[in-house]
Amino acid sequence: MKLLGKVGIFINTRKNVLERKGKMTELLKIQDFDQMYAIMEASFPDDEYRGYEGQRQLFENPEYKVFIHRNEETKEIDGFLSAWEFDDILFFEHFAVSSKVRNGGIGGRMLREVLTQVNKMTCLEVELPEGELEKRRISFYERNGFCYNPYPYTQPSIAPGRKPIPLRIMTYQRTVTEAEYQKIKNLLYRRVYHVSEQQMKY
């Protein structure tokens, strides 16, 4: 989810841009997975994340990365941002901060730092704005440059036993056309959720 190119939304001038350590973020190492996963479990409904083994196996995929923030005193992980980096699109899948430091500004600073690295279309999923909490989350992303797209979207089942969820797509710096949205949706369905071409017809 990043800076949009001037020529076209799906033009990428650099591949694998998410490799550099920032001032406040670093890439997660597998030995620290349990700390990150504990925050994920505490922050998301069951249908929005994979089981322990399924989530851990993602680290075998070079397209998947997790940025973390460490507490300056304890050095423990207190925030993370997971991302899928494809040739043309960056997808932020999970973003959470520990309840111990929530509302302290860490999330916004993490997001802005990662966004400075990227020069391709960036997107993320948000819940429907049906309650105050959901509206605040959308407002947070809007303050950080994301735009809400009204097109109907359903997150497919993320893992066995998980239910599909009605969500919406937000994109960085501008809204997208319906054709652009469809390209984003098809990519996420194929590469993140492993929905077959046949299934996408229904």
C-alpha atoms as a PDB file:
ATOM      1  CA  MET A   1       0.000   0.000   0.000  1.00  0.00           C
ATOM      2  CA  LYS A   2       2.073   2.877  -1.096  1.00  0.00           C
ATOM      3  CA  LEU A   3       2.765   5.867  -3.223  1.00  0.00           C
ATOM      4  CA  LEU A   4       0.907   5.705  -6.503  1.00  0.00           C
ATOM      5  CA  GLY A   5       2.843   6.049  -9.722  1.00  0.00           C
ATOM      6  CA  LYS A   6       2.147   8.979 -12.061  1.00  0.00           C
ATOM      7  CA  VAL A   7       1.787   6.848 -15.182  1.00  0.00           C
ATOM      8  CA  GLY A   8      -0.573   4.200 -13.891  1.00  0.00           C
ATOM      9  CA  ILE A   9      -1.765   2.624 -10.726  1.00  0.00           C
ATOM     10  CA  PHE A  10      -0.350  -0.798 -11.537  1.00  0.00           C
ATOM     11  CA  ILE A  11       3.102   0.320 -12.636  1.00  0.00           C
ATOM     12  CA  ASN A  12       5.899  -0.837 -10.329  1.00  0.00           C
ATOM     13  CA  THR A  13       9.421   0.532 -10.564  1.00  0.00           C
ATOM     14  CA  ARG A  14      10.921  -1.513  -7.716  1.00  0.00           C
ATOM     15  CA  LYS A  15      10.344  -5.062  -6.589  1.00  0.00           C
ATOM     16  CA  ASN A  16      10.694  -6.261  -3.008  1.00  0.00           C
ATOM     17  CA  VAL A  17      10.861  -2.809  -1.496  1.00  0.00           C
ATOM     18  CA  LEU A  18       9.962  -4.042   1.990  1.00  0.00           C
ATOM     19  CA  GLU A  19      13.437  -5.091   3.031  1.00  0.00           C
ATOM     20  CA  ARG A  20      14.842  -2.158   4.953  1.00  0.00           C
ATOM     21  CA  LYS A  21      14.842  -1.625   8.696  1.00  0.00           C
ATOM     22  CA  GLY A  22      13.300   1.671   9.737  1.00  0.00           C
ATOM     23  CA  LYS A  23      13.913   3.908  12.716  1.00  0.00           C
ATOM     24  CA  MET A  24      11.144   2.292  14.714  1.00  0.00           C
ATOM     25  CA  THR A  25      10.300  -0.903  12.801  1.00  0.00           C
ATOM     26  CA  GLU A  26      12.136  -4.063  11.833  1.00  0.00           C
ATOM     27  CA  LEU A  27      11.209  -7.268  10.035  1.00  0.00           C
ATOM     28  CA  LEU A  28       9.976 -10.080  12.259  1.00  0.00           C
ATOM     29  CA  LYS A  29      12.261 -13.078  12.727  1.00  0.00           C
ATOM     30  CA  ILE A  30      10.659 -16.489  13.076  1.00  0.00           C
ATOM     31  CA  GLN A  31      12.009 -16.913  16.621  1.00  0.00           C
ATOM     32  CA  ASP A  32       9.822 -13.970  17.674  1.00  0.00           C
ATOM     33  CA  PHE A  33       6.687 -15.353  16.036  1.00  0.00           C
ATOM     34  CA  ASP A  34       4.961 -16.333  19.294  1.00  0.00           C
ATOM     35  CA  GLN A  35       5.078 -12.762  20.627  1.00  0.00           C
ATOM     36  CA  MET A  36       3.512 -11.420  17.452  1.00  0.00           C
ATOM     37  CA  TYR A  37       0.879 -14.144  17.307  1.00  0.00           C
ATOM     38  CA  ALA A  38      -0.214 -13.448  20.888  1.00  0.00           C
ATOM     39  CA  ILE A  39      -1.023  -9.843  19.884  1.00  0.00           C
ATOM     40  CA  MET A  40      -2.858 -11.114  16.802  1.00  0.00           C
ATOM     41  CA  GLU A  41      -5.006 -13.488  18.866  1.00  0.00           C
ATOM     42  CA  ALA A  42      -5.894 -10.717  21.306  1.00  0.00           C
ATOM     43  CA  SER A  43      -6.709  -8.191  18.568  1.00  0.00           C
ATOM     44  CA  PHE A  44      -8.774 -10.005  15.920  1.00  0.00           C
ATOM     45  CA  PRO A  45     -11.949 -12.122  15.827  1.00  0.00           C
ATOM     46  CA  ASP A  46     -11.286 -15.802  15.059  1.00  0.00           C
ATOM     47  CA  ASP A  47     -12.559 -15.490  11.481  1.00  0.00           C
ATOM     48  CA  GLU A  48      -9.984 -12.796  10.644  1.00  0.00           C
ATOM     49  CA  TYR A  49      -6.743 -14.724  11.225  1.00  0.00           C
ATOM     50  CA  ARG A  50      -5.282 -18.183  10.655  1.00  0.00           C
ATOM     51  CA  GLY A  51      -4.510 -20.807  13.245  1.00  0.00           C
ATOM     52  CA  TYR A  52      -1.027 -20.954  14.762  1.00  0.00           C
ATOM     53  CA  GLU A  53       0.516 -23.373  12.257  1.00  0.00           C
ATOM     54  CA  GLY A  54      -1.175 -21.797   9.253  1.00  0.00           C
ATOM     55  CA  GLN A  55       0.052 -18.336  10.209  1.00  0.00           C
ATOM     56  CA  ARG A  56       3.566 -19.570  10.951  1.00  0.00           C
ATOM     57  CA  GLN A  57       3.808 -21.350   7.597  1.00  0.00           C
ATOM     58  CA  LEU A  58       3.389 -18.019   5.803  1.00  0.00           C
ATOM     59  CA  PHE A  59       7.010 -17.230   6.637  1.00  0.00           C
ATOM     60  CA  GLU A  60       8.009 -19.783   4.011  1.00  0.00           C
ATOM     61  CA  ASN A  61       6.448 -17.471   1.403  1.00  0.00           C
ATOM     62  CA  PRO A  62       8.842 -14.713   0.247  1.00  0.00           C
ATOM     63  CA  GLU A  63       5.872 -12.470  -0.620  1.00  0.00           C
ATOM     64  CA  TYR A  64       4.833 -12.298   3.047  1.00  0.00           C
ATOM     65  CA  LYS A  65       6.554 -10.053   5.607  1.00  0.00           C
ATOM     66  CA  VAL A  66       5.788  -8.720   9.074  1.00  0.00           C
ATOM     67  CA  PHE A  67       7.051  -5.415  10.452  1.00  0.00           C
ATOM     68  CA  ILE A  68       7.303  -5.150  14.224  1.00  0.00           C
ATOM     69  CA  HIS A  69       7.811  -2.437  16.810  1.00  0.00           C
ATOM     70  CA  ARG A  70       9.668  -3.217  20.035  1.00  0.00           C
ATOM     71  CA  ASN A  71       9.186  -1.588  23.404  1.00  0.00           C
ATOM     72  CA  GLU A  72      12.241   0.571  24.051  1.00  0.00           C
ATOM     73  CA  GLU A  73      12.626  -0.670  27.635  1.00  0.00           C
ATOM     74  CA  THR A  74      11.615  -4.340  27.530  1.00  0.00           C
ATOM     75  CA  LYS A  75      12.503  -4.978  23.844  1.00  0.00           C
ATOM     76  CA  GLU A  76       9.320  -7.034  23.598  1.00  0.00           C
ATOM     77  CA  ILE A  77       7.116  -6.728  20.517  1.00  0.00           C
ATOM     78  CA  ASP A  78       4.215  -4.353  21.135  1.00  0.00           C
ATOM     79  CA  GLY A  79       2.969  -3.800  17.577  1.00  0.00           C
ATOM     80  CA  PHE A  80       3.077  -5.432  14.156  1.00  0.00           C
ATOM     81  CA  LEU A  81       2.029  -4.884  10.553  1.00  0.00           C
ATOM     82  CA  SER A  82       1.880  -7.851   8.161  1.00  0.00           C
ATOM     83  CA  ALA A  83       2.091  -7.315   4.413  1.00  0.00           C
ATOM     84  CA  TRP A  84       1.921  -9.221   1.154  1.00  0.00           C
ATOM     85  CA  GLU A  85       4.143  -7.693  -1.502  1.00  0.00           C
ATOM     86  CA  PHE A  86       3.279  -8.518  -5.094  1.00  0.00           C
ATOM     87  CA  ASP A  87       4.708  -7.053  -8.308  1.00  0.00           C
ATOM     88  CA  ASP A  88       2.071  -4.331  -8.607  1.00  0.00           C
ATOM     89  CA  ILE A  89       0.292  -4.233  -5.263  1.00  0.00           C
ATOM     90  CA  LEU A  90       1.105  -4.191  -1.569  1.00  0.00           C
ATOM     91  CA  PHE A  91      -1.577  -5.595   0.739  1.00  0.00           C
ATOM     92  CA  PHE A  92      -1.573  -4.915   4.482  1.00  0.00           C
ATOM     93  CA  GLU A  93      -3.290  -7.941   5.983  1.00  0.00           C
ATOM     94  CA  HIS A  94      -3.032  -7.514   9.760  1.00  0.00           C
ATOM     95  CA  PHE A  95      -2.118  -4.457  11.800  1.00  0.00           C
ATOM     96  CA  ALA A  96      -2.331  -4.383  15.587  1.00  0.00           C
ATOM     97  CA  VAL A  97      -0.786  -2.814  18.664  1.00  0.00           C
ATOM     98  CA  SER A  98      -0.671  -4.389  22.121  1.00  0.00           C
ATOM     99  CA  SER A  99      -3.456  -3.250  24.437  1.00  0.00           C
ATOM    100  CA  LYS A 100      -0.736  -2.103  26.866  1.00  0.00           C
ATOM    101  CA  VAL A 101       0.331   0.713  24.539  1.00  0.00           C
ATOM    102  CA  ARG A 102      -2.781   1.254  22.425  1.00  0.00           C
ATOM    103  CA  ASN A 103      -3.781   4.875  21.680  1.00  0.00           C
ATOM    104  CA  GLY A 104      -0.225   6.014  22.314  1.00  0.00           C
ATOM    105  CA  GLY A 105       0.536   6.895  18.696  1.00  0.00           C
ATOM    106  CA  ILE A 106       2.693   3.853  17.945  1.00  0.00           C
ATOM    107  CA  GLY A 107       0.327   2.531  15.278  1.00  0.00           C
ATOM    108  CA  GLY A 108       0.251   5.740  13.269  1.00  0.00           C
ATOM    109  CA  ARG A 109       4.025   6.144  13.394  1.00  0.00           C
ATOM    110  CA  MET A 110       4.569   2.526  12.320  1.00  0.00           C
ATOM    111  CA  LEU A 111       2.170   2.880   9.408  1.00  0.00           C
ATOM    112  CA  ARG A 112       3.704   6.123   8.180  1.00  0.00           C
ATOM    113  CA  GLU A 113       7.232   4.732   8.367  1.00  0.00           C
ATOM    114  CA  VAL A 114       6.382   1.650   6.308  1.00  0.00           C
ATOM    115  CA  LEU A 115       4.480   3.760   3.788  1.00  0.00           C
ATOM    116  CA  THR A 116       7.581   5.865   3.103  1.00  0.00           C
ATOM    117  CA  GLN A 117       9.308   2.763   1.684  1.00  0.00           C
ATOM    118  CA  VAL A 118       6.763   1.942  -0.969  1.00  0.00           C
ATOM    119  CA  ASN A 119       6.064   3.100  -4.500  1.00  0.00           C
ATOM    120  CA  LYS A 120       3.235   0.799  -5.552  1.00  0.00           C
ATOM    121  CA  MET A 121      -0.512   0.566  -5.003  1.00  0.00           C
ATOM    122  CA  THR A 122      -1.260  -0.218  -1.358  1.00  0.00           C
ATOM    123  CA  CYS A 123      -4.521  -1.577  -0.015  1.00  0.00           C
ATOM    124  CA  LEU A 124      -6.070  -3.045   3.102  1.00  0.00           C
ATOM    125  CA  GLU A 125      -9.364  -4.483   4.319  1.00  0.00           C
ATOM    126  CA  VAL A 126     -11.631  -2.809   6.876  1.00  0.00           C
ATOM    127  CA  GLU A 127     -14.854  -3.821   8.567  1.00  0.00           C
ATOM    128  CA  LEU A 128     -18.092  -2.176   7.491  1.00  0.00           C
ATOM    129  CA  PRO A 129     -18.718   1.170   9.257  1.00  0.00           C
ATOM    130  CA  GLU A 130     -21.625  -0.176  11.302  1.00  0.00           C
ATOM    131  CA  GLY A 131     -20.456   0.796  14.790  1.00  0.00           C
ATOM    132  CA  GLU A 132     -18.344   3.430  16.498  1.00  0.00           C
ATOM    133  CA  LEU A 133     -15.282   1.176  16.759  1.00  0.00           C
ATOM    134  CA  GLU A 134     -15.377   0.333  13.056  1.00  0.00           C
ATOM    135  CA  LYS A 135     -15.867   4.006  12.153  1.00  0.00           C
ATOM    136  CA  ARG A 136     -12.862   4.996  14.295  1.00  0.00           C
ATOM    137  CA  ARG A 137     -10.683   2.426  12.551  1.00  0.00           C
ATOM    138  CA  ILE A 138     -11.680   3.763   9.143  1.00  0.00           C
ATOM    139  CA  SER A 139     -11.026   7.331  10.322  1.00  0.00           C
ATOM    140  CA  PHE A 140      -7.565   6.288  11.525  1.00  0.00           C
ATOM    141  CA  TYR A 141      -6.654   5.011   8.064  1.00  0.00           C
ATOM    142  CA  GLU A 142      -8.164   8.076   6.400  1.00  0.00           C
ATOM    143  CA  ARG A 143      -5.992  10.330   8.572  1.00  0.00           C
ATOM    144  CA  ASN A 144      -3.011   8.354   7.318  1.00  0.00           C
ATOM    145  CA  GLY A 145      -3.834   8.762   3.638  1.00  0.00           C
ATOM    146  CA  PHE A 146      -6.146   5.848   2.840  1.00  0.00           C
ATOM    147  CA  CYS A 147      -9.416   6.197   0.924  1.00  0.00           C
ATOM    148  CA  TYR A 148     -12.572   4.144   1.429  1.00  0.00           C
ATOM    149  CA  ASN A 149     -13.931   2.301  -1.623  1.00  0.00           C
ATOM    150  CA  PRO A 150     -17.656   1.468  -1.607  1.00  0.00           C
ATOM    151  CA  TYR A 151     -17.499  -1.664  -3.767  1.00  0.00           C
ATOM    152  CA  PRO A 152     -18.973  -4.801  -2.128  1.00  0.00           C
ATOM    153  CA  TYR A 153     -16.208  -7.123  -0.957  1.00  0.00           C
ATOM    154  CA  THR A 154     -16.113 -10.361   1.010  1.00  0.00           C
ATOM    155  CA  GLN A 155     -13.006 -11.756   2.640  1.00  0.00           C
ATOM    156  CA  PRO A 156     -13.064 -15.475   1.769  1.00  0.00           C
ATOM    157  CA  SER A 157     -12.571 -18.045   4.508  1.00  0.00           C
ATOM    158  CA  ILE A 158      -9.031 -17.421   5.695  1.00  0.00           C
ATOM    159  CA  ALA A 159      -8.555 -20.982   6.996  1.00  0.00           C
ATOM    160  CA  PRO A 160     -10.542 -24.195   7.561  1.00  0.00           C
ATOM    161  CA  GLY A 161     -13.349 -23.513  10.016  1.00  0.00           C
ATOM    162  CA  ARG A 162     -13.209 -19.736   9.469  1.00  0.00           C
ATOM    163  CA  LYS A 163     -16.214 -17.925   7.987  1.00  0.00           C
ATOM    164  CA  PRO A 164     -16.226 -15.415   5.088  1.00  0.00           C
ATOM    165  CA  ILE A 165     -16.584 -11.793   6.257  1.00  0.00           C
ATOM    166  CA  PRO A 166     -18.150  -8.770   4.520  1.00  0.00           C
ATOM    167  CA  LEU A 167     -15.490  -6.039   4.413  1.00  0.00           C
ATOM    168  CA  ARG A 168     -14.417  -3.081   2.283  1.00  0.00           C
ATOM    169  CA  ILE A 169     -11.137  -2.205   0.565  1.00  0.00           C
ATOM    170  CA  MET A 170      -9.236   0.993   1.345  1.00  0.00           C
ATOM    171  CA  THR A 171      -6.469   2.199  -0.969  1.00  0.00           C
ATOM    172  CA  TYR A 172      -3.627   4.619  -0.332  1.00  0.00           C
ATOM    173  CA  GLN A 173      -3.850   8.203  -1.626  1.00  0.00           C
ATOM    174  CA  ARG A 174      -6.938   7.807  -3.810  1.00  0.00           C
ATOM    175  CA  THR A 175      -9.991   5.685  -4.489  1.00  0.00           C
ATOM    176  CA  VAL A 176      -9.873   3.211  -7.362  1.00  0.00           C
ATOM    177  CA  THR A 177     -12.169   2.584 -10.291  1.00  0.00           C
ATOM    178  CA  GLU A 178     -14.348  -0.498 -10.306  1.00  0.00           C
ATOM    179  CA  ALA A 179     -12.014  -2.130 -12.832  1.00  0.00           C
ATOM    180  CA  GLU A 180      -8.989  -1.426 -10.624  1.00  0.00           C
ATOM    181  CA  TYR A 181     -10.870  -2.712  -7.592  1.00  0.00           C
ATOM    182  CA  GLN A 182     -11.692  -5.936  -9.441  1.00  0.00           C
ATOM    183  CA  LYS A 183      -8.016  -6.445 -10.234  1.00  0.00           C
ATOM    184  CA  ILE A 184      -7.113  -5.991  -6.557  1.00  0.00           C
ATOM    185  CA  LYS A 185      -9.872  -8.354  -5.450  1.00  0.00           C
ATOM    186  CA  ASN A 186      -8.873 -11.061  -7.929  1.00  0.00           C
ATOM    187  CA  LEU A 187      -5.238 -10.846  -6.848  1.00  0.00           C
ATOM    188  CA  LEU A 188      -6.088 -11.155  -3.147  1.00  0.00           C
ATOM    189  CA  TYR A 189      -8.479 -14.015  -3.786  1.00  0.00           C
ATOM    190  CA  ARG A 190      -5.870 -15.965  -5.767  1.00  0.00           C
ATOM    191  CA  ARG A 191      -2.655 -15.254  -3.898  1.00  0.00           C
ATOM    192  CA  VAL A 192      -3.706 -14.621  -0.296  1.00  0.00           C
ATOM    193  CA  TYR A 193      -6.886 -16.681   0.104  1.00  0.00           C
ATOM    194  CA  HIS A 194      -6.181 -19.344  -2.555  1.00  0.00           C
ATOM    195  CA  VAL A 195      -9.589 -19.113  -4.201  1.00  0.00           C
ATOM    196  CA  SER A 196      -9.609 -20.984  -7.516  1.00  0.00           C
ATOM    197  CA  GLU A 197     -10.565 -19.395 -10.827  1.00  0.00           C
ATOM    198  CA  GLN A 198     -13.617 -21.667 -10.915  1.00  0.00           C
ATOM    199  CA  GLN A 199     -14.729 -20.548  -7.443  1.00  0.00           C
ATOM    200  CA  MET A 200     -14.338 -16.876  -8.396  1.00  0.00           C
ATOM    201  CA  LYS A 201     -17.007 -17.309 -11.073  1.00  0.00           C
ATOM    202  CA  TYR A 202     -19.667 -17.845  -8.427  1.00  0.00           C
END
